Amino acid sequence: MADTEFSEEARLPIREVARRTGVHPMTLRAWERRYGLLAPARTHKGHRLYSDGEVRRIEKVLACLARGVAIGQVRELLERGTGKTAYLEKRNLNNSCWQEILDETCSLLQDFAEPQLRCRVDQWITAFPPPLLLEHWLKPLHAKLGQPRLEESRSAKLFLWPLLYEQLLLANGIARKNLRKHKKSTVSRLLLMDLPGDDQRVFLQMFSAALFAAGIDVVVLSNQADLKRGGNVVKKLDCRGLICYSHRALPKNFLTQELLNTAQALDKPFWLAGDFVEMQRDDLGKLGKIANSSVLLGATDSVLTQLQEQLIL
């Protein structure tokens, strides 16, 4: 399709496609330029416009990546059609790109190869949607580094978490600026509760990246803040609600006292998301009974879908 021509079907701008699919515009551009996965039409000013067919193709790319197909092989997989798809997916599952990325990360960590690791992290942030990175790279990496038999795991964690936090914070700063620039008053804004721990801060930034990619603005509330005043902060920042996200279990008294008091003081929605909601479901009993509280279950992409649906209501 010529750059200056587009059919009536090609009608969705890149920001809307990003909101629908959860794939950041930066990643969509990389899939087009670097990997030849997409071919959107262009307006006379050069703005990308995506057809429904392109959106479906993006969904197929996401499905391939989630199964562990290396991004450099996705185009071949899609072009071969359904007759070869099952075979190639099976072949790639046995040699998952996620396992390769995990192994490469651990190797760079063991060598304390800072420049190379920063470069690779930047490439992965660009190439993969945040929900996939969180579920298929960050969580397994966290689990692997938690194994006591891993040599120098403590030193590796002390080296890794600040590095990842810096990289994600920088990327999210750009994503926030672009989101506010293009959507301004139409974007939903959430207050995201910060929690202590170097690893937790990294997971929080990765989850923030997933929210930005889904078209949801994020402001982080420091863990030093008085949670009882969270309602005032939500109101002053014009947020749609407050969300608590954690990949690991939280102290029981924090769940049953501080979070409960926070939810009761809020007059806007309060969401709970992350692995802790499955781990500590029994301890969330009272929180779940508060009218404005919602528990978002499932993997990151499912959490985003639930959140978007509730924000529309």
Protein backbone atom coordinates (compact mmCIF):
# COMPACT_ATOMS: atom_id res chain seq x y z
CA MET A 1 0.00 0.00 0.00
CA ALA A 2 1.40 3.38 -0.94
CA ASP A 3 2.40 5.70 1.89
CA THR A 4 0.09 8.46 0.72
CA GLU A 5 -2.97 6.31 0.03
CA PHE A 6 -5.29 4.43 2.33
CA SER A 7 -8.63 2.70 2.04
CA GLU A 8 -11.70 3.47 4.10
CA GLU A 9 -10.97 0.34 6.14
CA ALA A 10 -7.65 1.74 7.37
CA ARG A 11 -9.10 4.13 9.91
CA LEU A 12 -7.53 3.60 13.32
CA PRO A 13 -4.66 5.89 14.44
CA ILE A 14 -1.72 4.36 16.24
CA ARG A 15 -2.80 5.62 19.68
CA GLU A 16 -6.18 3.92 19.37
CA VAL A 17 -4.55 0.69 18.20
CA ALA A 18 -2.18 0.86 21.17
CA ARG A 19 -5.13 1.32 23.53
CA ARG A 20 -7.02 -1.63 22.03
CA THR A 21 -4.11 -4.06 21.90
CA GLY A 22 -1.95 -2.93 24.82
CA VAL A 23 1.07 -2.64 22.52
CA HIS A 24 2.95 0.63 22.93
CA PRO A 25 3.22 2.85 19.82
CA MET A 26 7.01 2.62 20.06
CA THR A 27 6.73 -1.17 19.85
CA LEU A 28 4.29 -1.02 16.95
CA ARG A 29 6.76 1.15 15.03
CA ALA A 30 9.59 -1.28 15.82
CA TRP A 31 7.49 -4.23 14.59
CA GLU A 32 6.95 -2.35 11.34
CA ARG A 33 10.45 -0.99 10.70
CA ARG A 34 12.69 -3.63 12.22
CA TYR A 35 10.71 -6.84 11.72
CA GLY A 36 8.34 -6.10 8.82
CA LEU A 37 5.35 -7.40 10.78
CA LEU A 38 2.98 -4.53 9.98
CA ALA A 39 2.26 -2.33 6.99
CA PRO A 40 -0.17 0.40 8.04
CA ALA A 41 -1.45 2.96 5.58
CA ARG A 42 -0.39 6.59 5.84
CA THR A 43 -2.21 9.89 5.64
CA HIS A 44 -0.80 12.63 3.44
CA LYS A 45 0.94 13.94 6.57
CA GLY A 46 2.55 10.56 7.24
CA HIS A 47 0.39 9.47 10.18
CA ARG A 48 -0.19 5.73 10.44
CA LEU A 49 -3.71 4.33 10.02
CA TYR A 50 -4.47 0.70 10.81
CA SER A 51 -7.20 -1.50 9.38
CA ASP A 52 -9.14 -4.09 11.35
CA GLY A 53 -6.97 -6.67 9.56
CA GLU A 54 -3.83 -5.04 10.93
CA VAL A 55 -5.30 -5.11 14.44
CA ARG A 56 -6.04 -8.83 14.05
CA ARG A 57 -2.47 -9.35 12.85
CA ILE A 58 -1.16 -7.58 15.96
CA GLU A 59 -3.21 -9.96 18.08
CA LYS A 60 -1.67 -12.90 16.22
CA VAL A 61 1.81 -11.48 16.83
CA LEU A 62 1.02 -11.21 20.54
CA ALA A 63 -0.20 -14.81 20.60
CA CYS A 64 3.02 -16.00 18.94
CA LEU A 65 5.22 -14.08 21.36
CA ALA A 66 3.27 -15.39 24.35
CA ARG A 67 3.95 -18.95 23.14
CA GLY A 68 7.66 -18.28 23.04
CA VAL A 69 8.16 -17.75 19.31
CA ALA A 70 11.21 -15.58 18.69
CA ILE A 71 10.15 -12.22 17.32
CA GLY A 72 12.45 -12.62 14.34
CA GLN A 73 10.49 -15.75 13.32
CA VAL A 74 6.96 -14.37 13.77
CA ARG A 75 6.72 -12.98 10.24
CA GLU A 76 7.66 -16.35 8.74
CA LEU A 77 5.14 -18.05 10.99
CA LEU A 78 2.29 -15.75 9.96
CA GLU A 79 3.14 -15.86 6.26
CA ARG A 80 3.26 -19.67 6.19
CA GLY A 81 -0.38 -19.75 7.24
CA THR A 82 -2.33 -22.06 9.51
CA GLY A 83 -1.08 -25.25 7.85
CA LYS A 84 2.44 -24.71 9.22
CA THR A 85 1.50 -22.77 12.36
CA ALA A 86 1.07 -25.71 14.74
CA TYR A 87 4.39 -27.24 13.71
CA LEU A 88 6.36 -24.03 14.04
CA GLU A 89 4.73 -23.14 17.36
CA LYS A 90 5.57 -26.58 18.72
CA ARG A 91 9.13 -26.26 17.51
CA ASN A 92 9.55 -22.84 19.08
CA LEU A 93 7.96 -23.91 22.36
CA ASN A 94 10.85 -26.33 22.79
CA ASN A 95 13.32 -23.51 22.23
CA SER A 96 11.43 -20.57 23.66
CA CYS A 97 12.73 -17.09 22.96
CA TRP A 98 11.79 -16.25 26.53
CA GLN A 99 14.14 -18.92 27.84
CA GLU A 100 16.88 -17.53 25.61
CA ILE A 101 16.26 -14.01 26.93
CA LEU A 102 16.25 -15.30 30.50
CA ASP A 103 19.51 -17.19 29.96
CA GLU A 104 21.13 -14.18 28.33
CA THR A 105 20.05 -11.94 31.21
CA CYS A 106 21.54 -14.32 33.78
CA SER A 107 24.75 -14.59 31.78
CA LEU A 108 25.16 -10.82 31.60
CA LEU A 109 24.37 -10.59 35.30
CA GLN A 110 27.05 -13.11 36.22
CA ASP A 111 29.58 -11.10 34.24
CA PHE A 112 28.23 -7.79 35.63
CA ALA A 113 28.19 -6.59 32.01
CA GLU A 114 26.38 -3.32 32.63
CA PRO A 115 26.58 -1.65 29.18
CA GLN A 116 25.53 -4.82 27.36
CA LEU A 117 22.68 -5.46 29.79
CA ARG A 118 21.37 -1.91 29.50
CA CYS A 119 21.47 -2.19 25.71
CA ARG A 120 19.60 -5.49 25.69
CA VAL A 121 16.99 -4.26 28.19
CA ASP A 122 16.33 -1.23 25.96
CA GLN A 123 15.88 -3.55 22.97
CA TRP A 124 13.49 -5.83 24.85
CA ILE A 125 11.43 -2.91 26.13
CA THR A 126 11.07 -1.71 22.55
CA ALA A 127 10.35 -5.09 20.97
CA PHE A 128 7.93 -6.65 23.46
CA PRO A 129 4.71 -5.38 25.05
CA PRO A 130 5.03 -4.80 28.83
CA PRO A 131 2.46 -7.49 29.82
CA LEU A 132 4.52 -10.15 28.02
CA LEU A 133 7.79 -8.91 29.50
CA LEU A 134 6.26 -8.93 32.97
CA GLU A 135 4.78 -12.42 32.73
CA HIS A 136 7.40 -14.23 30.64
CA TRP A 137 10.64 -12.50 31.58
CA LEU A 138 10.47 -10.49 34.81
CA LYS A 139 8.55 -13.04 36.90
CA PRO A 140 10.72 -16.02 35.85
CA LEU A 141 13.85 -13.91 36.34
CA HIS A 142 12.73 -12.93 39.84
CA ALA A 143 12.04 -16.58 40.67
CA LYS A 144 15.41 -17.70 39.30
CA LEU A 145 17.31 -15.09 41.28
CA GLY A 146 15.43 -16.20 44.36
CA GLN A 147 17.00 -19.67 44.19
CA PRO A 148 19.60 -19.95 46.95
CA ARG A 149 21.80 -22.25 44.88
CA LEU A 150 22.34 -19.60 42.20
CA GLU A 151 25.89 -18.35 42.56
CA GLU A 152 26.21 -14.72 43.54
CA SER A 153 22.42 -14.31 43.41
CA ARG A 154 22.46 -11.66 46.12
CA SER A 155 25.07 -9.56 44.31
CA ALA A 156 23.24 -10.08 41.03
CA LYS A 157 19.98 -8.80 42.52
CA LEU A 158 21.68 -5.78 44.07
CA PHE A 159 23.08 -5.00 40.63
CA LEU A 160 19.98 -5.82 38.59
CA TRP A 161 17.06 -4.13 40.32
CA PRO A 162 18.44 -0.56 40.34
CA LEU A 163 19.48 -0.96 36.70
CA LEU A 164 16.05 -2.16 35.59
CA TYR A 165 14.34 0.52 37.65
CA GLU A 166 16.37 3.25 35.95
CA GLN A 167 15.66 1.87 32.47
CA LEU A 168 11.93 1.49 33.07
CA LEU A 169 11.60 4.84 34.81
CA LEU A 170 13.16 6.55 31.79
CA ALA A 171 10.94 4.68 29.31
CA ASN A 172 7.83 5.40 31.38
CA GLY A 173 8.67 9.08 31.57
CA ILE A 174 8.63 9.23 27.77
CA ALA A 175 5.43 7.16 27.62
CA ARG A 176 3.69 9.45 30.13
CA LYS A 177 4.71 12.56 28.21
CA ASN A 178 3.45 11.12 24.91
CA LEU A 179 0.19 9.92 26.42
CA ARG A 180 -0.62 13.27 27.98
CA LYS A 181 0.42 15.11 24.85
CA HIS A 182 -1.91 13.15 22.58
CA LYS A 183 -4.88 12.44 24.85
CA LYS A 184 -4.89 15.19 27.43
CA SER A 185 -8.31 15.42 29.10
CA THR A 186 -9.70 12.20 27.59
CA VAL A 187 -7.22 9.86 29.28
CA SER A 188 -8.05 7.97 32.47
CA ARG A 189 -5.60 8.57 35.29
CA LEU A 190 -4.96 6.21 38.20
CA LEU A 191 -3.04 6.60 41.43
CA LEU A 192 -0.72 3.61 41.85
CA MET A 193 0.41 2.69 45.35
CA ASP A 194 4.17 2.29 45.75
CA LEU A 195 5.40 -0.48 48.06
CA PRO A 196 8.84 -1.01 49.64
CA GLY A 197 11.52 -3.23 48.10
CA ASP A 198 13.91 -2.84 45.14
CA ASP A 199 12.28 -5.70 43.23
CA GLN A 200 8.81 -4.34 43.99
CA ARG A 201 9.74 -0.96 42.49
CA VAL A 202 10.80 -2.69 39.27
CA PHE A 203 7.56 -4.68 39.04
CA LEU A 204 5.61 -1.50 39.73
CA GLN A 205 7.35 0.30 36.87
CA MET A 206 6.75 -2.64 34.51
CA PHE A 207 3.08 -2.67 35.49
CA SER A 208 3.00 1.10 34.95
CA ALA A 209 4.45 0.54 31.48
CA ALA A 210 1.59 -1.88 30.77
CA LEU A 211 -0.93 0.74 31.92
CA PHE A 212 0.65 3.45 29.75
CA ALA A 213 0.60 1.12 26.74
CA ALA A 214 -3.11 0.51 27.37
CA GLY A 215 -3.77 4.26 27.31
CA ILE A 216 -4.07 4.68 31.09
CA ASP A 217 -2.12 7.44 32.83
CA VAL A 218 -0.37 6.62 36.13
CA VAL A 219 0.77 8.66 39.12
CA VAL A 220 2.74 6.77 41.78
CA LEU A 221 1.91 7.38 45.45
CA SER A 222 5.02 7.01 47.62
CA ASN A 223 4.90 4.28 50.25
CA GLN A 224 5.85 6.96 52.77
CA ALA A 225 2.51 8.70 52.24
CA ASP A 226 -0.30 8.46 54.76
CA LEU A 227 -2.68 6.01 53.08
CA LYS A 228 -5.63 7.41 55.01
CA ARG A 229 -5.21 10.60 52.98
CA GLY A 230 -5.17 8.68 49.72
CA GLY A 231 -8.68 9.87 48.96
CA ASN A 232 -7.55 13.50 49.03
CA VAL A 233 -4.62 12.72 46.74
CA VAL A 234 -6.91 10.92 44.30
CA LYS A 235 -9.23 13.92 44.22
CA LYS A 236 -6.51 16.56 43.87
CA LEU A 237 -4.81 14.68 41.03
CA ASP A 238 -8.17 14.07 39.33
CA CYS A 239 -7.61 10.30 39.33
CA ARG A 240 -10.31 7.76 38.56
CA GLY A 241 -9.24 5.63 41.52
CA LEU A 242 -6.42 3.98 43.46
CA ILE A 243 -4.74 0.69 42.60
CA CYS A 244 -2.51 -1.53 44.74
CA TYR A 245 -0.27 -3.86 42.74
CA SER A 246 2.20 -6.40 44.13
CA HIS A 247 3.89 -9.44 42.64
CA ARG A 248 4.57 -10.92 46.08
CA ALA A 249 2.67 -11.47 49.32
CA LEU A 250 2.09 -8.44 51.53
CA PRO A 251 2.21 -8.32 55.35
CA LYS A 252 -1.10 -9.53 56.77
CA ASN A 253 -1.56 -6.53 59.04
CA PHE A 254 -1.02 -4.24 56.02
CA LEU A 255 -3.84 -6.03 54.18
CA THR A 256 -6.27 -6.25 57.06
CA GLN A 257 -5.66 -2.81 58.55
CA GLU A 258 -3.97 -0.19 56.33
CA LEU A 259 -5.49 -1.26 53.01
CA LEU A 260 -8.88 -1.77 54.63
CA ASN A 261 -8.79 1.71 56.16
CA THR A 262 -7.68 3.15 52.82
CA ALA A 263 -10.56 1.52 50.95
CA GLN A 264 -13.09 2.72 53.52
CA ALA A 265 -11.81 6.29 53.28
CA LEU A 266 -12.03 6.39 49.48
CA ASP A 267 -15.09 7.57 47.59
CA LYS A 268 -13.65 6.30 44.29
CA PRO A 269 -12.74 2.80 43.05
CA PHE A 270 -9.97 0.86 44.74
CA TRP A 271 -8.38 -1.99 42.76
CA LEU A 272 -6.16 -4.83 43.95
CA ALA A 273 -3.99 -6.56 41.34
CA GLY A 274 -0.93 -8.77 41.04
CA ASP A 275 0.03 -12.21 42.27
CA PHE A 276 -0.69 -11.33 45.89
CA VAL A 277 -4.45 -11.39 45.30
CA GLU A 278 -4.22 -15.12 44.51
CA MET A 279 -1.74 -15.85 47.28
CA GLN A 280 -3.74 -14.03 49.95
CA ARG A 281 -7.32 -14.36 48.80
CA ASP A 282 -8.51 -15.42 52.27
CA ASP A 283 -6.97 -12.31 53.85
CA LEU A 284 -8.80 -10.07 51.36
CA GLY A 285 -12.23 -11.11 52.63
CA LYS A 286 -13.24 -7.82 54.25
CA LEU A 287 -11.70 -5.75 51.47
CA GLY A 288 -13.74 -7.62 48.88
CA LYS A 289 -16.96 -6.70 50.66
CA ILE A 290 -16.38 -2.95 50.42
CA ALA A 291 -18.51 -1.59 47.59
CA ASN A 292 -15.79 0.43 45.86
CA SER A 293 -13.13 -2.34 45.99
CA SER A 294 -12.41 -4.73 43.13
CA VAL A 295 -9.99 -7.66 42.94
CA LEU A 296 -8.48 -8.05 39.47
CA LEU A 297 -7.54 -11.68 38.93
CA GLY A 298 -5.37 -13.30 36.27
CA ALA A 299 -2.30 -12.44 34.24
CA THR A 300 -1.40 -8.86 33.37
CA ASP A 301 -3.27 -8.74 30.04
CA SER A 302 -6.43 -9.98 31.80
CA VAL A 303 -6.01 -7.40 34.56
CA LEU A 304 -5.72 -4.63 31.96
CA THR A 305 -8.86 -5.82 30.18
CA GLN A 306 -10.85 -5.88 33.43
CA LEU A 307 -9.55 -2.45 34.37
CA GLN A 308 -10.40 -0.91 31.00
CA GLU A 309 -13.92 -2.33 31.14
CA GLN A 310 -14.49 -0.87 34.59
CA LEU A 311 -13.09 2.52 33.59
CA ILE A 312 -15.57 2.69 30.72
CA LEU A 313 -18.53 2.15 33.06
